[in-house]
Each structure stands twice: as structure tokens, then as C-alpha cells.
């Protein structure tokens, strides 16, 4: 169950995007937010901490958001953690790939704080 006490991991190689997502989460009442600059760093955090929601960019150097999603879904300990993919590309094939890999929801950049809030609230209601 996603609540304002949930711990949320924001993964994006662009610090400004992490800051925007964090600000939106704080406006929604979430305080327990951790950040990672890429997939490899996110893996370490996920292994070491109880994460309740992952918000991850698709395009990052090294491990992509899709690769991180596949790794999360393939690992029994956290395969059920909700995963919100953030992508700059609204290509149908990308969206289908994410759905096939088990994404919970996705948002296309650029997005408003309201759209991000709606996606997070939809995930919270499903959880």
C-alpha cells in the first residue's frame, strides 16, 4: 500500500528532473524520497533499502530505465514494487516494451506536476 510514509526512489541522470519530481512528491505529502543518477546506483539502493515506489527515466547512460525495470521484475524480493517509467519518447513500441516488461504506469516528458501527481495517485489507488 502506497502512503505518504512510503519510501520513493527517483532515478534520473538529469538532476533538474530529479528535483522537479521530488518537489511534486513533497507537494503530495511524500517525505521519504531517495535519488539515484542511474540504474546501477538504483540497484544498490533497491537491494539495501525497502523501496515502495520507483520513478525512473527511460534514457540514461549505462543501464536504461527499461533494463532496470526488467531487473526489478525478475528479482523476487522486489518484483511487486510499483514502477513509474518517465520517457521523452511517446513511441508506441517503447510503451509496449515497457508494458511487456511489467511497468505499472508511465508518463511522457514534458509533463506537468498535475499529470505526475495523477499518475502517482493512480498507482497509490492500485497498490
N, C-alpha and C. Protein backbone atom coordinates (compact mmCIF):
# COMPACT_ATOMS: atom_id res chain seq x y z
N UNK A 1 0.85 -1.20 0.00
CA UNK A 1 0.00 0.00 0.00
C UNK A 1 0.88 1.24 0.00
N UNK A 2 0.66 2.12 -0.92
CA UNK A 2 1.41 3.36 -1.03
C UNK A 2 0.75 4.42 -0.16
N UNK A 3 1.54 5.00 0.75
CA UNK A 3 1.04 6.06 1.62
C UNK A 3 2.09 7.16 1.69
N UNK A 4 1.76 8.25 2.37
CA UNK A 4 2.71 9.36 2.46
C UNK A 4 3.96 8.95 3.25
N UNK A 5 3.90 7.83 3.94
CA UNK A 5 5.07 7.32 4.67
C UNK A 5 5.92 6.39 3.80
N UNK A 6 5.49 6.14 2.57
CA UNK A 6 6.22 5.25 1.67
C UNK A 6 7.55 5.86 1.26
N UNK A 7 8.52 4.98 0.99
CA UNK A 7 9.82 5.43 0.51
C UNK A 7 9.84 5.32 -1.01
N UNK A 8 10.17 6.43 -1.66
CA UNK A 8 10.13 6.51 -3.11
C UNK A 8 11.54 6.76 -3.65
N UNK A 9 11.90 5.99 -4.67
CA UNK A 9 13.19 6.12 -5.33
C UNK A 9 12.98 6.83 -6.67
N UNK A 10 13.68 7.94 -6.87
CA UNK A 10 13.63 8.71 -8.11
C UNK A 10 14.95 8.48 -8.85
N UNK A 11 14.87 7.91 -10.05
CA UNK A 11 16.06 7.58 -10.83
C UNK A 11 16.06 8.38 -12.12
N UNK A 12 17.05 9.26 -12.25
CA UNK A 12 17.18 10.07 -13.48
C UNK A 12 18.60 10.61 -13.51
N UNK A 13 19.22 10.59 -14.68
CA UNK A 13 20.59 11.10 -14.79
C UNK A 13 20.62 12.63 -14.82
N UNK A 14 19.47 13.27 -14.94
CA UNK A 14 19.38 14.72 -15.02
C UNK A 14 18.90 15.27 -13.68
N UNK A 15 19.76 15.99 -12.97
CA UNK A 15 19.44 16.45 -11.62
C UNK A 15 18.22 17.37 -11.57
N UNK A 16 18.01 18.18 -12.61
CA UNK A 16 16.85 19.06 -12.63
C UNK A 16 15.56 18.25 -12.65
N UNK A 17 15.54 17.17 -13.40
CA UNK A 17 14.34 16.32 -13.44
C UNK A 17 14.11 15.67 -12.09
N UNK A 18 15.17 15.21 -11.44
CA UNK A 18 15.00 14.62 -10.10
C UNK A 18 14.42 15.66 -9.15
N UNK A 19 14.89 16.89 -9.25
CA UNK A 19 14.41 17.97 -8.37
C UNK A 19 12.92 18.25 -8.63
N UNK A 20 12.50 18.27 -9.88
CA UNK A 20 11.09 18.51 -10.22
C UNK A 20 10.22 17.39 -9.66
N UNK A 21 10.64 16.16 -9.85
CA UNK A 21 9.86 15.01 -9.36
C UNK A 21 9.79 15.06 -7.83
N UNK A 22 10.93 15.33 -7.18
CA UNK A 22 10.94 15.42 -5.71
C UNK A 22 10.00 16.51 -5.21
N UNK A 23 10.02 17.67 -5.85
CA UNK A 23 9.15 18.78 -5.43
C UNK A 23 7.68 18.38 -5.55
N UNK A 24 7.34 17.70 -6.64
CA UNK A 24 5.96 17.25 -6.83
C UNK A 24 5.58 16.24 -5.75
N UNK A 25 6.48 15.31 -5.46
CA UNK A 25 6.21 14.31 -4.42
C UNK A 25 5.99 14.98 -3.06
N UNK A 26 6.81 15.97 -2.76
CA UNK A 26 6.67 16.67 -1.47
C UNK A 26 5.34 17.42 -1.41
N UNK A 27 4.91 18.01 -2.53
CA UNK A 27 3.61 18.68 -2.57
C UNK A 27 2.47 17.69 -2.32
N UNK A 28 2.70 16.43 -2.69
CA UNK A 28 1.69 15.39 -2.48
C UNK A 28 1.77 14.79 -1.07
N UNK A 29 2.75 15.25 -0.29
CA UNK A 29 2.85 14.79 1.09
C UNK A 29 3.88 13.70 1.33
N UNK A 30 4.61 13.29 0.30
CA UNK A 30 5.65 12.27 0.47
C UNK A 30 6.93 12.94 0.94
N UNK A 31 7.54 12.38 1.97
CA UNK A 31 8.77 12.95 2.53
C UNK A 31 9.98 12.03 2.38
N UNK A 32 9.74 10.74 2.30
CA UNK A 32 10.83 9.76 2.27
C UNK A 32 11.21 9.48 0.82
N UNK A 33 12.09 10.33 0.28
CA UNK A 33 12.46 10.26 -1.13
C UNK A 33 13.98 10.09 -1.22
N UNK A 34 14.40 9.10 -1.99
CA UNK A 34 15.82 8.89 -2.25
C UNK A 34 16.05 9.02 -3.75
N UNK A 35 17.28 9.34 -4.11
CA UNK A 35 17.61 9.59 -5.52
C UNK A 35 18.75 8.71 -5.99
N UNK A 36 18.73 8.41 -7.29
CA UNK A 36 19.84 7.74 -7.95
C UNK A 36 20.04 8.38 -9.31
N UNK A 37 21.31 8.49 -9.72
CA UNK A 37 21.62 9.09 -11.02
C UNK A 37 21.54 8.10 -12.17
N UNK A 38 21.46 6.82 -11.85
CA UNK A 38 21.39 5.82 -12.91
C UNK A 38 20.94 4.48 -12.39
N UNK A 39 20.82 3.53 -13.32
CA UNK A 39 20.33 2.20 -12.99
C UNK A 39 21.19 1.43 -12.01
N UNK A 40 22.51 1.50 -12.19
CA UNK A 40 23.40 0.76 -11.30
C UNK A 40 23.28 1.26 -9.86
N UNK A 41 23.27 2.58 -9.68
CA UNK A 41 23.11 3.16 -8.34
C UNK A 41 21.74 2.79 -7.77
N UNK A 42 20.72 2.79 -8.61
CA UNK A 42 19.37 2.42 -8.17
C UNK A 42 19.33 0.98 -7.69
N UNK A 43 20.02 0.08 -8.39
CA UNK A 43 20.06 -1.32 -7.97
C UNK A 43 20.59 -1.46 -6.55
N UNK A 44 21.67 -0.74 -6.24
CA UNK A 44 22.25 -0.80 -4.90
C UNK A 44 21.25 -0.32 -3.85
N UNK A 45 20.57 0.78 -4.15
CA UNK A 45 19.59 1.33 -3.20
C UNK A 45 18.44 0.34 -3.00
N UNK A 46 17.94 -0.22 -4.09
CA UNK A 46 16.82 -1.17 -4.01
C UNK A 46 17.21 -2.39 -3.19
N UNK A 47 18.44 -2.87 -3.37
CA UNK A 47 18.91 -4.05 -2.62
C UNK A 47 19.04 -3.74 -1.13
N UNK A 48 19.47 -2.52 -0.81
CA UNK A 48 19.79 -2.17 0.58
C UNK A 48 18.64 -1.55 1.36
N UNK A 49 17.57 -1.19 0.72
CA UNK A 49 16.51 -0.42 1.37
C UNK A 49 15.14 -0.93 0.96
N UNK A 50 14.15 -0.65 1.77
CA UNK A 50 12.76 -1.00 1.44
C UNK A 50 12.18 0.14 0.61
N UNK A 51 12.05 -0.06 -0.69
CA UNK A 51 11.51 0.96 -1.60
C UNK A 51 10.07 0.59 -1.93
N UNK A 52 9.18 1.58 -1.86
CA UNK A 52 7.75 1.33 -2.08
C UNK A 52 7.26 1.77 -3.46
N UNK A 53 8.04 2.62 -4.14
CA UNK A 53 7.70 3.08 -5.49
C UNK A 53 8.98 3.52 -6.18
N UNK A 54 9.13 3.14 -7.44
CA UNK A 54 10.28 3.56 -8.24
C UNK A 54 9.75 4.44 -9.37
N UNK A 55 10.31 5.65 -9.48
CA UNK A 55 10.01 6.56 -10.59
C UNK A 55 11.31 6.70 -11.36
N UNK A 56 11.32 6.23 -12.60
CA UNK A 56 12.58 6.08 -13.32
C UNK A 56 12.51 6.61 -14.74
N UNK A 57 13.55 7.33 -15.13
CA UNK A 57 13.70 7.79 -16.50
C UNK A 57 14.04 6.60 -17.40
N UNK A 58 13.62 6.65 -18.64
CA UNK A 58 13.91 5.59 -19.60
C UNK A 58 15.34 5.69 -20.11
N UNK A 59 15.71 6.89 -20.62
CA UNK A 59 17.01 7.07 -21.27
C UNK A 59 18.05 7.57 -20.28
N UNK A 60 18.96 6.67 -19.92
CA UNK A 60 20.07 7.03 -19.04
C UNK A 60 21.31 6.31 -19.55
N UNK A 61 22.49 6.91 -19.33
CA UNK A 61 23.72 6.21 -19.74
C UNK A 61 23.90 4.95 -18.89
N UNK A 62 24.58 3.97 -19.45
CA UNK A 62 24.78 2.72 -18.70
C UNK A 62 23.51 1.88 -18.77
N UNK A 63 22.89 1.69 -17.63
CA UNK A 63 21.67 0.88 -17.55
C UNK A 63 20.45 1.76 -17.81
N UNK A 64 19.66 1.39 -18.81
CA UNK A 64 18.46 2.17 -19.13
C UNK A 64 17.36 1.89 -18.11
N UNK A 65 16.34 2.73 -18.12
CA UNK A 65 15.19 2.52 -17.25
C UNK A 65 14.49 1.21 -17.56
N UNK A 66 14.44 0.83 -18.85
CA UNK A 66 13.81 -0.44 -19.22
C UNK A 66 14.62 -1.61 -18.65
N UNK A 67 15.94 -1.52 -18.71
CA UNK A 67 16.77 -2.58 -18.13
C UNK A 67 16.58 -2.68 -16.62
N UNK A 68 16.47 -1.53 -15.97
CA UNK A 68 16.23 -1.54 -14.52
C UNK A 68 14.87 -2.16 -14.22
N UNK A 69 13.86 -1.79 -14.98
CA UNK A 69 12.52 -2.37 -14.81
C UNK A 69 12.57 -3.89 -14.95
N UNK A 70 13.23 -4.39 -15.98
CA UNK A 70 13.33 -5.84 -16.20
C UNK A 70 14.04 -6.51 -15.02
N UNK A 71 15.10 -5.88 -14.50
CA UNK A 71 15.83 -6.43 -13.36
C UNK A 71 14.95 -6.47 -12.12
N UNK A 72 14.20 -5.38 -11.87
CA UNK A 72 13.29 -5.33 -10.72
C UNK A 72 12.25 -6.44 -10.82
N UNK A 73 11.63 -6.59 -11.98
CA UNK A 73 10.58 -7.58 -12.16
C UNK A 73 11.11 -9.01 -12.09
N UNK A 74 12.40 -9.20 -12.39
CA UNK A 74 12.99 -10.55 -12.38
C UNK A 74 13.52 -10.93 -10.99
N UNK A 75 13.47 -10.02 -10.04
CA UNK A 75 14.02 -10.27 -8.70
C UNK A 75 12.88 -10.43 -7.71
N UNK A 76 12.75 -11.64 -7.16
CA UNK A 76 11.60 -11.96 -6.30
C UNK A 76 11.38 -10.98 -5.16
N UNK A 77 12.45 -10.51 -4.53
CA UNK A 77 12.32 -9.65 -3.35
C UNK A 77 11.58 -8.35 -3.62
N UNK A 78 11.67 -7.83 -4.83
CA UNK A 78 11.02 -6.55 -5.13
C UNK A 78 10.29 -6.53 -6.45
N UNK A 79 9.90 -7.69 -6.96
CA UNK A 79 9.21 -7.76 -8.26
C UNK A 79 7.86 -7.08 -8.26
N UNK A 80 7.27 -6.87 -7.06
CA UNK A 80 5.94 -6.26 -6.99
C UNK A 80 5.97 -4.76 -6.69
N UNK A 81 7.16 -4.17 -6.61
CA UNK A 81 7.27 -2.73 -6.32
C UNK A 81 6.72 -1.96 -7.52
N UNK A 82 5.77 -1.04 -7.29
CA UNK A 82 5.24 -0.24 -8.40
C UNK A 82 6.36 0.53 -9.10
N UNK A 83 6.29 0.62 -10.42
CA UNK A 83 7.35 1.23 -11.24
C UNK A 83 6.71 2.19 -12.22
N UNK A 84 7.02 3.48 -12.07
CA UNK A 84 6.53 4.52 -12.97
C UNK A 84 7.67 4.92 -13.90
N UNK A 85 7.49 4.66 -15.19
CA UNK A 85 8.52 4.99 -16.17
C UNK A 85 8.28 6.39 -16.71
N UNK A 86 9.36 7.16 -16.77
CA UNK A 86 9.31 8.51 -17.34
C UNK A 86 10.09 8.47 -18.65
N UNK A 87 9.45 8.89 -19.73
CA UNK A 87 10.12 8.82 -21.03
C UNK A 87 9.88 10.09 -21.84
N UNK A 88 10.87 10.44 -22.64
CA UNK A 88 10.74 11.60 -23.53
C UNK A 88 10.12 11.17 -24.85
N UNK A 89 10.04 9.87 -25.08
CA UNK A 89 9.55 9.37 -26.35
C UNK A 89 8.20 8.68 -26.15
N UNK A 90 7.23 9.11 -26.89
CA UNK A 90 5.89 8.51 -26.79
C UNK A 90 5.69 7.46 -27.88
N UNK A 91 6.80 6.87 -28.34
CA UNK A 91 6.70 5.86 -29.40
C UNK A 91 5.92 4.66 -28.90
N UNK A 92 5.00 4.22 -29.71
CA UNK A 92 4.15 3.08 -29.34
C UNK A 92 4.98 1.86 -28.96
N UNK A 93 6.06 1.60 -29.71
CA UNK A 93 6.88 0.42 -29.45
C UNK A 93 7.54 0.51 -28.06
N UNK A 94 7.98 1.71 -27.68
CA UNK A 94 8.59 1.88 -26.34
C UNK A 94 7.57 1.60 -25.25
N UNK A 95 6.38 2.13 -25.43
CA UNK A 95 5.32 1.95 -24.43
C UNK A 95 4.97 0.46 -24.34
N UNK A 96 4.86 -0.20 -25.48
CA UNK A 96 4.57 -1.64 -25.48
C UNK A 96 5.69 -2.43 -24.80
N UNK A 97 6.94 -2.05 -25.06
CA UNK A 97 8.07 -2.74 -24.42
C UNK A 97 8.00 -2.59 -22.90
N UNK A 98 7.67 -1.41 -22.44
CA UNK A 98 7.57 -1.17 -21.01
C UNK A 98 6.42 -1.97 -20.39
N UNK A 99 5.29 -2.01 -21.09
CA UNK A 99 4.14 -2.78 -20.60
C UNK A 99 4.49 -4.27 -20.55
N UNK A 100 5.14 -4.76 -21.58
CA UNK A 100 5.54 -6.18 -21.61
C UNK A 100 6.53 -6.50 -20.49
N UNK A 101 7.35 -5.52 -20.11
CA UNK A 101 8.33 -5.74 -19.04
C UNK A 101 7.70 -5.59 -17.66
N UNK A 102 6.45 -5.14 -17.59
CA UNK A 102 5.76 -5.08 -16.31
C UNK A 102 5.68 -3.71 -15.67
N UNK A 103 5.79 -2.65 -16.46
CA UNK A 103 5.69 -1.30 -15.89
C UNK A 103 4.29 -1.10 -15.28
N UNK A 104 4.23 -0.37 -14.18
CA UNK A 104 2.94 -0.10 -13.53
C UNK A 104 2.21 1.02 -14.25
N UNK A 105 2.97 2.05 -14.63
CA UNK A 105 2.40 3.19 -15.34
C UNK A 105 3.55 3.95 -15.99
N UNK A 106 3.25 4.91 -16.85
CA UNK A 106 4.30 5.70 -17.48
C UNK A 106 3.80 7.11 -17.69
N UNK A 107 4.75 8.03 -17.82
CA UNK A 107 4.44 9.43 -18.09
C UNK A 107 5.43 9.92 -19.14
N UNK A 108 4.93 10.73 -20.09
CA UNK A 108 5.76 11.23 -21.18
C UNK A 108 6.21 12.65 -20.88
N UNK A 109 7.52 12.91 -21.05
CA UNK A 109 8.07 14.26 -20.88
C UNK A 109 7.74 15.07 -22.13
N UNK A 110 7.56 16.37 -22.03
CA UNK A 110 7.45 17.11 -20.77
C UNK A 110 6.08 16.88 -20.15
N UNK A 111 6.03 16.86 -18.85
CA UNK A 111 4.76 16.65 -18.15
C UNK A 111 4.60 17.73 -17.09
N UNK A 112 3.36 17.98 -16.74
CA UNK A 112 3.08 18.96 -15.69
C UNK A 112 3.12 18.25 -14.34
N UNK A 113 3.22 19.03 -13.30
CA UNK A 113 3.18 18.46 -11.95
C UNK A 113 1.85 17.76 -11.72
N UNK A 114 0.78 18.32 -12.31
CA UNK A 114 -0.54 17.72 -12.15
C UNK A 114 -0.59 16.33 -12.79
N UNK A 115 -0.01 16.17 -13.97
CA UNK A 115 -0.01 14.86 -14.64
C UNK A 115 0.79 13.86 -13.82
N UNK A 116 1.96 14.26 -13.32
CA UNK A 116 2.76 13.37 -12.48
C UNK A 116 1.98 12.99 -11.23
N UNK A 117 1.34 13.96 -10.62
CA UNK A 117 0.55 13.70 -9.41
C UNK A 117 -0.57 12.70 -9.70
N UNK A 118 -1.22 12.84 -10.85
CA UNK A 118 -2.31 11.92 -11.22
C UNK A 118 -1.78 10.50 -11.41
N UNK A 119 -0.62 10.36 -12.04
CA UNK A 119 -0.03 9.03 -12.26
C UNK A 119 0.31 8.38 -10.92
N UNK A 120 0.91 9.15 -10.01
CA UNK A 120 1.29 8.62 -8.70
C UNK A 120 0.04 8.23 -7.90
N UNK A 121 -0.97 9.09 -7.95
CA UNK A 121 -2.20 8.77 -7.23
C UNK A 121 -2.89 7.54 -7.80
N UNK A 122 -2.84 7.36 -9.11
CA UNK A 122 -3.40 6.15 -9.73
C UNK A 122 -2.68 4.90 -9.25
N UNK A 123 -1.36 4.99 -9.13
CA UNK A 123 -0.57 3.87 -8.63
C UNK A 123 -0.91 3.60 -7.17
N UNK A 124 -1.04 4.66 -6.38
CA UNK A 124 -1.37 4.52 -4.95
C UNK A 124 -2.72 3.84 -4.78
N UNK A 125 -3.66 4.15 -5.64
CA UNK A 125 -5.01 3.56 -5.54
C UNK A 125 -5.00 2.09 -5.94
N UNK A 126 -4.09 1.70 -6.86
CA UNK A 126 -3.99 0.30 -7.29
C UNK A 126 -3.26 -0.55 -6.25
N UNK A 127 -2.32 0.07 -5.56
CA UNK A 127 -1.42 -0.68 -4.66
C UNK A 127 -2.17 -1.25 -3.46
